[in-house]
Amino acid sequence: MYKNYIFDLYGTLVDINTNESRRTLWEKLSLFYGYNGAVYSFRELKKAYLDEVNKRLEDNTKTKYPDTKICLVFEKLYKDKGVNVDKDTVLQTMKLFRILSTSYIRLYPGVKELLTELKARGKKVFMLSNGQREFTVPELKYLGIHDYFDGLHSSSDIEICKPDKAFFDHVIETEGLNKDECIFIGNDDICDVGGAKGASIDSLYIHSNLSRKITKVTSNYEIWDKNISKILELTVK
Protein backbone atom coordinates (compact mmCIF):
# COMPACT_ATOMS: atom_id res chain seq x y z
CA MET A 1 0.00 0.00 0.00
CA TYR A 2 2.62 2.54 1.09
CA LYS A 3 6.09 2.69 -0.43
CA ASN A 4 7.43 5.55 1.68
CA TYR A 5 7.35 5.82 5.47
CA ILE A 6 8.06 9.31 6.79
CA PHE A 7 8.70 9.41 10.53
CA ASP A 8 8.74 12.11 13.13
CA LEU A 9 11.68 11.40 15.43
CA TYR A 10 11.44 12.60 19.03
CA GLY A 11 8.45 11.10 20.80
CA THR A 12 7.84 8.68 17.94
CA LEU A 13 11.02 6.64 17.47
CA VAL A 14 13.18 8.25 20.13
CA ASP A 15 12.33 8.85 23.79
CA ILE A 16 14.24 11.87 25.03
CA ASN A 17 14.23 14.26 27.97
CA THR A 18 16.04 17.58 27.75
CA ASN A 19 16.23 20.66 29.93
CA GLU A 20 17.99 23.72 28.53
CA SER A 21 17.34 25.90 31.58
CA ARG A 22 19.50 24.07 34.13
CA ARG A 23 22.22 26.18 35.69
CA THR A 24 24.96 23.57 35.37
CA LEU A 25 24.51 23.54 31.59
CA TRP A 26 25.26 27.24 31.30
CA GLU A 27 28.09 27.10 33.83
CA LYS A 28 29.86 24.33 31.89
CA LEU A 29 29.11 25.88 28.51
CA SER A 30 30.43 29.28 29.59
CA LEU A 31 33.60 27.51 30.74
CA PHE A 32 33.94 25.89 27.32
CA TYR A 33 33.48 29.25 25.61
CA GLY A 34 36.08 30.71 27.93
CA TYR A 35 38.56 27.95 27.10
CA ASN A 36 38.10 28.96 23.46
CA GLY A 37 38.78 32.61 24.23
CA ALA A 38 35.20 33.90 24.53
CA VAL A 39 34.73 34.74 28.20
CA TYR A 40 31.15 34.86 29.49
CA SER A 41 29.55 34.53 32.89
CA PHE A 42 26.98 31.76 32.76
CA ARG A 43 24.12 34.24 33.15
CA GLU A 44 25.51 36.46 30.40
CA LEU A 45 25.89 33.52 28.04
CA LYS A 46 22.38 32.23 28.68
CA LYS A 47 20.86 35.67 28.08
CA ALA A 48 22.90 36.26 24.94
CA TYR A 49 21.89 32.85 23.57
CA LEU A 50 18.18 33.27 24.26
CA ASP A 51 18.14 36.85 22.94
CA GLU A 52 19.79 35.79 19.68
CA VAL A 53 17.53 32.77 19.19
CA ASN A 54 14.40 34.84 19.83
CA LYS A 55 15.57 37.58 17.48
CA ARG A 56 16.19 35.12 14.66
CA LEU A 57 12.80 33.48 15.17
CA GLU A 58 11.05 36.84 15.18
CA ASP A 59 12.89 37.91 12.02
CA ASN A 60 11.82 34.72 10.21
CA THR A 61 8.62 35.99 8.60
CA LYS A 62 8.26 33.29 5.92
CA THR A 63 6.15 31.05 8.19
CA LYS A 64 3.97 31.03 11.31
CA TYR A 65 6.13 28.14 12.57
CA PRO A 66 9.71 29.42 12.37
CA ASP A 67 12.95 27.66 13.15
CA THR A 68 16.52 28.88 12.90
CA LYS A 69 19.97 27.43 12.43
CA ILE A 70 21.28 27.27 15.97
CA CYS A 71 24.82 26.74 14.67
CA LEU A 72 24.77 30.39 13.57
CA VAL A 73 23.74 31.43 17.08
CA PHE A 74 26.63 29.58 18.71
CA GLU A 75 29.03 31.02 16.14
CA LYS A 76 27.80 34.56 16.77
CA LEU A 77 28.31 34.14 20.51
CA TYR A 78 32.01 33.64 19.77
CA LYS A 79 32.15 36.55 17.33
CA ASP A 80 30.48 38.87 19.83
CA LYS A 81 33.54 38.34 22.03
CA GLY A 82 35.90 38.98 19.12
CA VAL A 83 36.73 35.29 18.61
CA ASN A 84 36.65 33.66 15.18
CA VAL A 85 36.27 29.89 15.29
CA ASP A 86 36.10 27.17 12.65
CA LYS A 87 33.05 25.04 11.90
CA ASP A 88 34.37 22.12 13.93
CA THR A 89 34.56 24.24 17.09
CA VAL A 90 30.99 25.40 16.56
CA LEU A 91 29.89 21.78 16.07
CA GLN A 92 31.68 20.66 19.24
CA THR A 93 30.04 23.53 21.13
CA MET A 94 26.63 22.37 19.91
CA LYS A 95 27.35 18.77 20.89
CA LEU A 96 28.38 19.85 24.38
CA PHE A 97 25.23 21.97 24.73
CA ARG A 98 23.05 19.03 23.69
CA ILE A 99 24.82 16.56 25.98
CA LEU A 100 24.56 18.90 28.97
CA SER A 101 20.86 19.46 28.33
CA THR A 102 19.96 15.78 27.87
CA SER A 103 18.81 13.73 30.86
CA TYR A 104 18.30 10.61 28.77
CA ILE A 105 17.90 9.47 25.17
CA ARG A 106 16.83 6.01 24.03
CA LEU A 107 14.84 4.18 21.41
CA TYR A 108 11.31 3.10 22.08
CA PRO A 109 10.92 -0.69 22.21
CA GLY A 110 10.68 -2.30 18.79
CA VAL A 111 12.10 0.58 16.72
CA LYS A 112 15.04 -1.30 15.22
CA GLU A 113 12.86 -4.32 14.48
CA LEU A 114 10.31 -2.10 12.75
CA LEU A 115 12.87 -0.30 10.61
CA THR A 116 14.60 -3.57 9.74
CA GLU A 117 11.32 -5.10 8.57
CA LEU A 118 10.34 -2.05 6.55
CA LYS A 119 13.65 -2.09 4.71
CA ALA A 120 13.39 -5.87 4.20
CA ARG A 121 10.04 -5.29 2.49
CA GLY A 122 11.54 -2.75 0.14
CA LYS A 123 10.06 0.35 1.79
CA LYS A 124 11.85 3.68 1.84
CA VAL A 125 12.21 5.37 5.21
CA PHE A 126 12.55 9.10 5.81
CA MET A 127 12.74 11.41 8.82
CA LEU A 128 10.90 14.73 9.06
CA SER A 129 11.64 16.26 12.45
CA ASN A 130 11.40 19.62 14.15
CA GLY A 131 14.95 20.10 15.38
CA GLN A 132 18.56 20.80 14.56
CA ARG A 133 20.42 18.57 12.12
CA GLU A 134 23.58 18.95 14.21
CA PHE A 135 21.75 17.31 17.12
CA THR A 136 19.78 14.72 15.18
CA VAL A 137 22.50 13.10 13.07
CA PRO A 138 24.87 12.28 15.98
CA GLU A 139 21.92 11.01 18.03
CA LEU A 140 20.71 8.73 15.24
CA LYS A 141 24.24 7.33 14.91
CA TYR A 142 24.56 6.89 18.68
CA LEU A 143 21.25 5.02 18.77
CA GLY A 144 22.26 2.83 15.83
CA ILE A 145 19.45 3.72 13.41
CA HIS A 146 21.06 6.36 11.18
CA ASP A 147 21.68 4.02 8.26
CA TYR A 148 18.07 2.85 8.04
CA PHE A 149 16.99 6.20 6.61
CA ASP A 150 16.91 7.07 2.94
CA GLY A 151 16.68 10.76 3.78
CA LEU A 152 16.88 13.01 6.85
CA HIS A 153 15.07 16.33 7.01
CA SER A 154 15.29 18.69 9.98
CA SER A 155 13.29 21.90 10.37
CA SER A 156 16.56 23.81 10.77
CA ASP A 157 17.39 22.91 7.15
CA ILE A 158 14.75 25.29 5.78
CA GLU A 159 13.96 27.17 9.01
CA ILE A 160 10.33 26.03 8.88
CA CYS A 161 8.71 23.68 11.42
CA LYS A 162 5.80 21.28 11.30
CA PRO A 163 2.85 21.69 11.00
CA ASP A 164 3.61 24.11 8.16
CA LYS A 165 2.68 22.46 4.86
CA ALA A 166 5.88 23.80 3.34
CA PHE A 167 8.01 21.46 5.47
CA PHE A 168 6.06 18.41 4.34
CA ASP A 169 6.19 19.58 0.73
CA HIS A 170 9.93 20.02 1.11
CA VAL A 171 10.57 16.34 1.77
CA ILE A 172 8.14 15.27 -0.97
CA GLU A 173 9.79 17.50 -3.56
CA THR A 174 13.38 16.93 -2.43
CA GLU A 175 13.03 13.13 -2.42
CA GLY A 176 10.81 13.00 -5.51
CA LEU A 177 7.99 11.16 -3.74
CA ASN A 178 4.38 10.55 -4.70
CA LYS A 179 2.11 11.66 -1.85
CA ASP A 180 -0.31 8.82 -2.57
CA GLU A 181 2.47 6.36 -1.77
CA CYS A 182 3.49 8.04 1.50
CA ILE A 183 2.42 7.79 5.10
CA PHE A 184 3.55 10.10 7.89
CA ILE A 185 3.96 8.65 11.37
CA GLY A 186 4.16 10.80 14.49
CA ASN A 187 3.08 11.30 18.09
CA ASP A 188 1.73 14.85 17.90
CA ASP A 189 -1.88 15.47 16.87
CA ILE A 190 -1.17 19.02 15.68
CA CYS A 191 2.35 19.03 14.25
CA ASP A 192 2.27 15.51 12.83
CA VAL A 193 -1.33 14.54 12.10
CA GLY A 194 -2.58 18.05 11.39
CA GLY A 195 0.49 18.90 9.37
CA ALA A 196 0.29 15.76 7.26
CA LYS A 197 -3.42 16.32 6.64
CA GLY A 198 -2.72 19.87 5.51
CA ALA A 199 -0.18 18.50 3.05
CA SER A 200 -2.61 15.79 1.81
CA ILE A 201 -0.52 12.94 3.20
CA ASP A 202 -1.98 9.94 5.06
CA SER A 203 -0.97 9.72 8.71
CA LEU A 204 -0.62 7.30 11.58
CA TYR A 205 -0.78 8.64 15.12
CA ILE A 206 1.09 6.80 17.88
CA HIS A 207 0.46 7.97 21.43
CA SER A 208 3.64 8.13 23.51
CA ASN A 209 4.87 9.54 26.79
CA LEU A 210 5.78 12.73 24.94
CA SER A 211 2.35 13.18 23.34
CA ARG A 212 -0.13 15.78 24.47
CA LYS A 213 -2.91 14.54 26.72
CA ILE A 214 -5.63 13.78 24.18
CA THR A 215 -8.12 10.97 23.69
CA LYS A 216 -8.97 11.29 20.01
CA VAL A 217 -7.28 12.27 16.78
CA THR A 218 -8.28 12.50 13.13
CA SER A 219 -5.59 10.33 11.53
CA ASN A 220 -5.92 7.42 9.09
CA TYR A 221 -4.54 5.01 11.67
CA GLU A 222 -4.10 5.18 15.45
CA ILE A 223 -2.00 3.37 18.05
CA TRP A 224 -2.77 4.22 21.66
CA ASP A 225 -0.79 1.57 23.56
CA LYS A 226 2.70 2.70 22.40
CA ASN A 227 3.16 -0.64 20.55
CA ILE A 228 5.19 0.48 17.58
CA SER A 229 5.12 -2.97 15.98
CA LYS A 230 1.45 -2.36 15.12
CA ILE A 231 2.60 0.00 12.39
CA LEU A 232 3.35 -3.05 10.26
CA GLU A 233 0.00 -4.66 10.99
CA LEU A 234 -1.93 -1.51 10.08
CA THR A 235 -0.09 -0.25 7.03
CA VAL A 236 1.88 -3.02 5.30
CA LYS A 237 -0.19 -5.03 2.86
C-alpha atoms as a PDB file:
ATOM      1  CA  MET A   1       0.000   0.000   0.000  1.00  0.00           C
ATOM      2  CA  TYR A   2       2.619   2.539   1.092  1.00  0.00           C
ATOM      3  CA  LYS A   3       6.085   2.695  -0.425  1.00  0.00           C
ATOM      4  CA  ASN A   4       7.434   5.554   1.680  1.00  0.00           C
ATOM      5  CA  TYR A   5       7.353   5.820   5.467  1.00  0.00           C
ATOM      6  CA  ILE A   6       8.057   9.305   6.788  1.00  0.00           C
ATOM      7  CA  PHE A   7       8.699   9.410  10.528  1.00  0.00           C
ATOM      8  CA  ASP A   8       8.739  12.108  13.128  1.00  0.00           C
ATOM      9  CA  LEU A   9      11.682  11.404  15.425  1.00  0.00           C
ATOM     10  CA  TYR A  10      11.437  12.600  19.029  1.00  0.00           C
ATOM     11  CA  GLY A  11       8.448  11.101  20.801  1.00  0.00           C
ATOM     12  CA  THR A  12       7.841   8.680  17.937  1.00  0.00           C
ATOM     13  CA  LEU A  13      11.019   6.640  17.466  1.00  0.00           C
ATOM     14  CA  VAL A  14      13.182   8.247  20.135  1.00  0.00           C
ATOM     15  CA  ASP A  15      12.328   8.851  23.786  1.00  0.00           C
ATOM     16  CA  ILE A  16      14.241  11.869  25.027  1.00  0.00           C
ATOM     17  CA  ASN A  17      14.228  14.264  27.966  1.00  0.00           C
ATOM     18  CA  THR A  18      16.043  17.584  27.750  1.00  0.00           C
ATOM     19  CA  ASN A  19      16.233  20.664  29.929  1.00  0.00           C
ATOM     20  CA  GLU A  20      17.993  23.723  28.532  1.00  0.00           C
ATOM     21  CA  SER A  21      17.341  25.898  31.584  1.00  0.00           C
ATOM     22  CA  ARG A  22      19.500  24.071  34.128  1.00  0.00           C
ATOM     23  CA  ARG A  23      22.219  26.183  35.694  1.00  0.00           C
ATOM     24  CA  THR A  24      24.963  23.571  35.373  1.00  0.00           C
ATOM     25  CA  LEU A  25      24.514  23.537  31.593  1.00  0.00           C
ATOM     26  CA  TRP A  26      25.264  27.245  31.303  1.00  0.00           C
ATOM     27  CA  GLU A  27      28.087  27.096  33.831  1.00  0.00           C
ATOM     28  CA  LYS A  28      29.861  24.327  31.891  1.00  0.00           C
ATOM     29  CA  LEU A  29      29.105  25.881  28.505  1.00  0.00           C
ATOM     30  CA  SER A  30      30.435  29.282  29.588  1.00  0.00           C
ATOM     31  CA  LEU A  31      33.598  27.512  30.741  1.00  0.00           C
ATOM     32  CA  PHE A  32      33.936  25.888  27.317  1.00  0.00           C
ATOM     33  CA  TYR A  33      33.479  29.248  25.612  1.00  0.00           C
ATOM     34  CA  GLY A  34      36.085  30.712  27.932  1.00  0.00           C
ATOM     35  CA  TYR A  35      38.560  27.954  27.103  1.00  0.00           C
ATOM     36  CA  ASN A  36      38.097  28.956  23.457  1.00  0.00           C
ATOM     37  CA  GLY A  37      38.784  32.607  24.225  1.00  0.00           C
ATOM     38  CA  ALA A  38      35.198  33.904  24.531  1.00  0.00           C
ATOM     39  CA  VAL A  39      34.730  34.738  28.198  1.00  0.00           C
ATOM     40  CA  TYR A  40      31.150  34.857  29.492  1.00  0.00           C
ATOM     41  CA  SER A  41      29.550  34.527  32.886  1.00  0.00           C
ATOM     42  CA  PHE A  42      26.979  31.761  32.757  1.00  0.00           C
ATOM     43  CA  ARG A  43      24.123  34.240  33.146  1.00  0.00           C
ATOM     44  CA  GLU A  44      25.509  36.461  30.395  1.00  0.00           C
ATOM     45  CA  LEU A  45      25.894  33.520  28.040  1.00  0.00           C
ATOM     46  CA  LYS A  46      22.382  32.228  28.677  1.00  0.00           C
ATOM     47  CA  LYS A  47      20.859  35.665  28.083  1.00  0.00           C
ATOM     48  CA  ALA A  48      22.902  36.256  24.938  1.00  0.00           C
ATOM     49  CA  TYR A  49      21.894  32.848  23.570  1.00  0.00           C
ATOM     50  CA  LEU A  50      18.177  33.273  24.265  1.00  0.00           C
ATOM     51  CA  ASP A  51      18.145  36.849  22.944  1.00  0.00           C
ATOM     52  CA  GLU A  52      19.795  35.785  19.682  1.00  0.00           C
ATOM     53  CA  VAL A  53      17.533  32.774  19.185  1.00  0.00           C
ATOM     54  CA  ASN A  54      14.403  34.840  19.827  1.00  0.00           C
ATOM     55  CA  LYS A  55      15.574  37.580  17.481  1.00  0.00           C
ATOM     56  CA  ARG A  56      16.191  35.120  14.664  1.00  0.00           C
ATOM     57  CA  LEU A  57      12.805  33.479  15.172  1.00  0.00           C
ATOM     58  CA  GLU A  58      11.047  36.844  15.181  1.00  0.00           C
ATOM     59  CA  ASP A  59      12.890  37.908  12.021  1.00  0.00           C
ATOM     60  CA  ASN A  60      11.821  34.717  10.213  1.00  0.00           C
ATOM     61  CA  THR A  61       8.619  35.988   8.596  1.00  0.00           C
ATOM     62  CA  LYS A  62       8.255  33.292   5.917  1.00  0.00           C
ATOM     63  CA  THR A  63       6.155  31.053   8.192  1.00  0.00           C
ATOM     64  CA  LYS A  64       3.970  31.029  11.308  1.00  0.00           C
ATOM     65  CA  TYR A  65       6.125  28.138  12.566  1.00  0.00           C
ATOM     66  CA  PRO A  66       9.706  29.424  12.373  1.00  0.00           C
ATOM     67  CA  ASP A  67      12.946  27.658  13.146  1.00  0.00           C
ATOM     68  CA  THR A  68      16.520  28.882  12.899  1.00  0.00           C
ATOM     69  CA  LYS A  69      19.974  27.428  12.426  1.00  0.00           C
ATOM     70  CA  ILE A  70      21.284  27.267  15.972  1.00  0.00           C
ATOM     71  CA  CYS A  71      24.817  26.744  14.673  1.00  0.00           C
ATOM     72  CA  LEU A  72      24.774  30.388  13.568  1.00  0.00           C
ATOM     73  CA  VAL A  73      23.745  31.433  17.075  1.00  0.00           C
ATOM     74  CA  PHE A  74      26.633  29.578  18.714  1.00  0.00           C
ATOM     75  CA  GLU A  75      29.033  31.021  16.142  1.00  0.00           C
ATOM     76  CA  LYS A  76      27.798  34.563  16.771  1.00  0.00           C
ATOM     77  CA  LEU A  77      28.312  34.135  20.513  1.00  0.00           C
ATOM     78  CA  TYR A  78      32.013  33.641  19.771  1.00  0.00           C
ATOM     79  CA  LYS A  79      32.147  36.553  17.330  1.00  0.00           C
ATOM     80  CA  ASP A  80      30.476  38.869  19.835  1.00  0.00           C
ATOM     81  CA  LYS A  81      33.540  38.345  22.030  1.00  0.00           C
ATOM     82  CA  GLY A  82      35.903  38.981  19.121  1.00  0.00           C
ATOM     83  CA  VAL A  83      36.730  35.291  18.614  1.00  0.00           C
ATOM     84  CA  ASN A  84      36.650  33.661  15.185  1.00  0.00           C
ATOM     85  CA  VAL A  85      36.270  29.893  15.292  1.00  0.00           C
ATOM     86  CA  ASP A  86      36.096  27.174  12.653  1.00  0.00           C
ATOM     87  CA  LYS A  87      33.051  25.041  11.904  1.00  0.00           C
ATOM     88  CA  ASP A  88      34.371  22.122  13.928  1.00  0.00           C
ATOM     89  CA  THR A  89      34.565  24.236  17.090  1.00  0.00           C
ATOM     90  CA  VAL A  90      30.992  25.397  16.559  1.00  0.00           C
ATOM     91  CA  LEU A  91      29.893  21.781  16.074  1.00  0.00           C
ATOM     92  CA  GLN A  92      31.679  20.664  19.235  1.00  0.00           C
ATOM     93  CA  THR A  93      30.041  23.526  21.133  1.00  0.00           C
ATOM     94  CA  MET A  94      26.634  22.370  19.912  1.00  0.00           C
ATOM     95  CA  LYS A  95      27.351  18.771  20.894  1.00  0.00           C
ATOM     96  CA  LEU A  96      28.378  19.854  24.379  1.00  0.00           C
ATOM     97  CA  PHE A  97      25.228  21.969  24.726  1.00  0.00           C
ATOM     98  CA  ARG A  98      23.055  19.034  23.693  1.00  0.00           C
ATOM     99  CA  ILE A  99      24.821  16.565  25.981  1.00  0.00           C
ATOM    100  CA  LEU A 100      24.560  18.902  28.967  1.00  0.00           C
ATOM    101  CA  SER A 101      20.862  19.465  28.331  1.00  0.00           C
ATOM    102  CA  THR A 102      19.965  15.781  27.866  1.00  0.00           C
ATOM    103  CA  SER A 103      18.808  13.731  30.858  1.00  0.00           C
ATOM    104  CA  TYR A 104      18.302  10.606  28.765  1.00  0.00           C
ATOM    105  CA  ILE A 105      17.902   9.473  25.168  1.00  0.00           C
ATOM    106  CA  ARG A 106      16.830   6.011  24.033  1.00  0.00           C
ATOM    107  CA  LEU A 107      14.843   4.176  21.408  1.00  0.00           C
ATOM    108  CA  TYR A 108      11.311   3.096  22.082  1.00  0.00           C
ATOM    109  CA  PRO A 109      10.919  -0.694  22.213  1.00  0.00           C
ATOM    110  CA  GLY A 110      10.678  -2.302  18.792  1.00  0.00           C
ATOM    111  CA  VAL A 111      12.098   0.578  16.717  1.00  0.00           C
ATOM    112  CA  LYS A 112      15.038  -1.304  15.221  1.00  0.00           C
ATOM    113  CA  GLU A 113      12.862  -4.324  14.482  1.00  0.00           C
ATOM    114  CA  LEU A 114      10.314  -2.103  12.748  1.00  0.00           C
ATOM    115  CA  LEU A 115      12.873  -0.301  10.614  1.00  0.00           C
ATOM    116  CA  THR A 116      14.604  -3.565   9.744  1.00  0.00           C
ATOM    117  CA  GLU A 117      11.322  -5.103   8.573  1.00  0.00           C
ATOM    118  CA  LEU A 118      10.336  -2.046   6.549  1.00  0.00           C
ATOM    119  CA  LYS A 119      13.651  -2.095   4.713  1.00  0.00           C
ATOM    120  CA  ALA A 120      13.385  -5.866   4.199  1.00  0.00           C
ATOM    121  CA  ARG A 121      10.035  -5.288   2.493  1.00  0.00           C
ATOM    122  CA  GLY A 122      11.537  -2.752   0.137  1.00  0.00           C
ATOM    123  CA  LYS A 123      10.063   0.347   1.786  1.00  0.00           C
ATOM    124  CA  LYS A 124      11.849   3.677   1.842  1.00  0.00           C
ATOM    125  CA  VAL A 125      12.213   5.366   5.211  1.00  0.00           C
ATOM    126  CA  PHE A 126      12.548   9.098   5.811  1.00  0.00           C
ATOM    127  CA  MET A 127      12.739  11.405   8.822  1.00  0.00           C
ATOM    128  CA  LEU A 128      10.901  14.729   9.059  1.00  0.00           C
ATOM    129  CA  SER A 129      11.640  16.263  12.448  1.00  0.00           C
ATOM    130  CA  ASN A 130      11.400  19.615  14.153  1.00  0.00           C
ATOM    131  CA  GLY A 131      14.951  20.100  15.380  1.00  0.00           C
ATOM    132  CA  GLN A 132      18.564  20.800  14.563  1.00  0.00           C
ATOM    133  CA  ARG A 133      20.419  18.568  12.118  1.00  0.00           C
ATOM    134  CA  GLU A 134      23.576  18.953  14.213  1.00  0.00           C
ATOM    135  CA  PHE A 135      21.755  17.312  17.122  1.00  0.00           C
ATOM    136  CA  THR A 136      19.781  14.719  15.182  1.00  0.00           C
ATOM    137  CA  VAL A 137      22.503  13.096  13.070  1.00  0.00           C
ATOM    138  CA  PRO A 138      24.868  12.283  15.982  1.00  0.00           C
ATOM    139  CA  GLU A 139      21.922  11.012  18.029  1.00  0.00           C
ATOM    140  CA  LEU A 140      20.714   8.727  15.240  1.00  0.00           C
ATOM    141  CA  LYS A 141      24.241   7.333  14.905  1.00  0.00           C
ATOM    142  CA  TYR A 142      24.559   6.887  18.675  1.00  0.00           C
ATOM    143  CA  LEU A 143      21.251   5.021  18.773  1.00  0.00           C
ATOM    144  CA  GLY A 144      22.256   2.826  15.832  1.00  0.00           C
ATOM    145  CA  ILE A 145      19.451   3.721  13.409  1.00  0.00           C
ATOM    146  CA  HIS A 146      21.056   6.363  11.179  1.00  0.00           C
ATOM    147  CA  ASP A 147      21.679   4.019   8.263  1.00  0.00           C
ATOM    148  CA  TYR A 148      18.067   2.851   8.038  1.00  0.00           C
ATOM    149  CA  PHE A 149      16.988   6.195   6.612  1.00  0.00           C
ATOM    150  CA  ASP A 150      16.913   7.074   2.942  1.00  0.00           C
ATOM    151  CA  GLY A 151      16.678  10.760   3.776  1.00  0.00           C
ATOM    152  CA  LEU A 152      16.882  13.009   6.848  1.00  0.00           C
ATOM    153  CA  HIS A 153      15.067  16.330   7.012  1.00  0.00           C
ATOM    154  CA  SER A 154      15.285  18.693   9.984  1.00  0.00           C
ATOM    155  CA  SER A 155      13.295  21.901  10.368  1.00  0.00           C
ATOM    156  CA  SER A 156      16.555  23.807  10.769  1.00  0.00           C
ATOM    157  CA  ASP A 157      17.392  22.907   7.155  1.00  0.00           C
ATOM    158  CA  ILE A 158      14.755  25.285   5.779  1.00  0.00           C
ATOM    159  CA  GLU A 159      13.960  27.167   9.014  1.00  0.00           C
ATOM    160  CA  ILE A 160      10.328  26.030   8.884  1.00  0.00           C
ATOM    161  CA  CYS A 161       8.714  23.683  11.418  1.00  0.00           C
ATOM    162  CA  LYS A 162       5.804  21.281  11.295  1.00  0.00           C
ATOM    163  CA  PRO A 163       2.853  21.689  10.996  1.00  0.00           C
ATOM    164  CA  ASP A 164       3.615  24.106   8.160  1.00  0.00           C
ATOM    165  CA  LYS A 165       2.676  22.456   4.856  1.00  0.00           C
ATOM    166  CA  ALA A 166       5.881  23.802   3.343  1.00  0.00           C
ATOM    167  CA  PHE A 167       8.014  21.463   5.470  1.00  0.00           C
ATOM    168  CA  PHE A 168       6.062  18.409   4.336  1.00  0.00           C
ATOM    169  CA  ASP A 169       6.188  19.579   0.729  1.00  0.00           C
ATOM    170  CA  HIS A 170       9.929  20.024   1.110  1.00  0.00           C
ATOM    171  CA  VAL A 171      10.572  16.339   1.769  1.00  0.00           C
ATOM    172  CA  ILE A 172       8.138  15.268  -0.967  1.00  0.00           C
ATOM    173  CA  GLU A 173       9.790  17.502  -3.556  1.00  0.00           C
ATOM    174  CA  THR A 174      13.376  16.930  -2.434  1.00  0.00           C
ATOM    175  CA  GLU A 175      13.028  13.135  -2.418  1.00  0.00           C
ATOM    176  CA  GLY A 176      10.810  13.003  -5.514  1.00  0.00           C
ATOM    177  CA  LEU A 177       7.987  11.159  -3.743  1.00  0.00           C
ATOM    178  CA  ASN A 178       4.378  10.549  -4.701  1.00  0.00           C
ATOM    179  CA  LYS A 179       2.106  11.658  -1.847  1.00  0.00           C
ATOM    180  CA  ASP A 180      -0.314   8.817  -2.566  1.00  0.00           C
ATOM    181  CA  GLU A 181       2.472   6.361  -1.774  1.00  0.00           C
ATOM    182  CA  CYS A 182       3.488   8.041   1.499  1.00  0.00           C
ATOM    183  CA  ILE A 183       2.416   7.793   5.103  1.00  0.00           C
ATOM    184  CA  PHE A 184       3.550  10.103   7.886  1.00  0.00           C
ATOM    185  CA  ILE A 185       3.965   8.654  11.369  1.00  0.00           C
ATOM    186  CA  GLY A 186       4.158  10.800  14.486  1.00  0.00           C
ATOM    187  CA  ASN A 187       3.083  11.304  18.086  1.00  0.00           C
ATOM    188  CA  ASP A 188       1.734  14.852  17.896  1.00  0.00           C
ATOM    189  CA  ASP A 189      -1.878  15.475  16.873  1.00  0.00           C
ATOM    190  CA  ILE A 190      -1.169  19.020  15.685  1.00  0.00           C
ATOM    191  CA  CYS A 191       2.345  19.033  14.248  1.00  0.00           C
ATOM    192  CA  ASP A 192       2.268  15.509  12.828  1.00  0.00           C
ATOM    193  CA  VAL A 193      -1.326  14.542  12.101  1.00  0.00           C
ATOM    194  CA  GLY A 194      -2.576  18.050  11.389  1.00  0.00           C
ATOM    195  CA  GLY A 195       0.493  18.905   9.369  1.00  0.00           C
ATOM    196  CA  ALA A 196       0.286  15.757   7.263  1.00  0.00           C
ATOM    197  CA  LYS A 197      -3.415  16.318   6.640  1.00  0.00           C
ATOM    198  CA  GLY A 198      -2.723  19.872   5.506  1.00  0.00           C
ATOM    199  CA  ALA A 199      -0.181  18.504   3.050  1.00  0.00           C
ATOM    200  CA  SER A 200      -2.608  15.792   1.811  1.00  0.00           C
ATOM    201  CA  ILE A 201      -0.520  12.936   3.199  1.00  0.00           C
ATOM    202  CA  ASP A 202      -1.984   9.942   5.058  1.00  0.00           C
ATOM    203  CA  SER A 203      -0.975   9.724   8.712  1.00  0.00           C
ATOM    204  CA  LEU A 204      -0.618   7.296  11.576  1.00  0.00           C
ATOM    205  CA  TYR A 205      -0.780   8.637  15.117  1.00  0.00           C
ATOM    206  CA  ILE A 206       1.088   6.805  17.882  1.00  0.00           C
ATOM    207  CA  HIS A 207       0.459   7.965  21.431  1.00  0.00           C
ATOM    208  CA  SER A 208       3.645   8.128  23.508  1.00  0.00           C
ATOM    209  CA  ASN A 209       4.874   9.535  26.792  1.00  0.00           C
ATOM    210  CA  LEU A 210       5.779  12.733  24.942  1.00  0.00           C
ATOM    211  CA  SER A 211       2.350  13.178  23.340  1.00  0.00           C
ATOM    212  CA  ARG A 212      -0.127  15.784  24.470  1.00  0.00           C
ATOM    213  CA  LYS A 213      -2.913  14.535  26.719  1.00  0.00           C
ATOM    214  CA  ILE A 214      -5.626  13.783  24.178  1.00  0.00           C
ATOM    215  CA  THR A 215      -8.120  10.965  23.694  1.00  0.00           C
ATOM    216  CA  LYS A 216      -8.970  11.292  20.006  1.00  0.00           C
ATOM    217  CA  VAL A 217      -7.279  12.269  16.784  1.00  0.00           C
ATOM    218  CA  THR A 218      -8.275  12.497  13.128  1.00  0.00           C
ATOM    219  CA  SER A 219      -5.587  10.332  11.526  1.00  0.00           C
ATOM    220  CA  ASN A 220      -5.918   7.421   9.089  1.00  0.00           C
ATOM    221  CA  TYR A 221      -4.545   5.006  11.674  1.00  0.00           C
ATOM    222  CA  GLU A 222      -4.099   5.178  15.450  1.00  0.00           C
ATOM    223  CA  ILE A 223      -1.995   3.371  18.051  1.00  0.00           C
ATOM    224  CA  TRP A 224      -2.773   4.217  21.660  1.00  0.00           C
ATOM    225  CA  ASP A 225      -0.787   1.574  23.557  1.00  0.00           C
ATOM    226  CA  LYS A 226       2.698   2.697  22.399  1.00  0.00           C
ATOM    227  CA  ASN A 227       3.162  -0.636  20.554  1.00  0.00           C
ATOM    228  CA  ILE A 228       5.193   0.478  17.577  1.00  0.00           C
ATOM    229  CA  SER A 229       5.122  -2.973  15.975  1.00  0.00           C
ATOM    230  CA  LYS A 230       1.451  -2.358  15.119  1.00  0.00           C
ATOM    231  CA  ILE A 231       2.601   0.004  12.388  1.00  0.00           C
ATOM    232  CA  LEU A 232       3.346  -3.052  10.255  1.00  0.00           C
ATOM    233  CA  GLU A 233      -0.004  -4.658  10.995  1.00  0.00           C
ATOM    234  CA  LEU A 234      -1.927  -1.514  10.084  1.00  0.00           C
ATOM    235  CA  THR A 235      -0.088  -0.251   7.027  1.00  0.00           C
ATOM    236  CA  VAL A 236       1.878  -3.016   5.302  1.00  0.00           C
ATOM    237  CA  LYS A 237      -0.191  -5.031   2.864  1.00  0.00           C
END
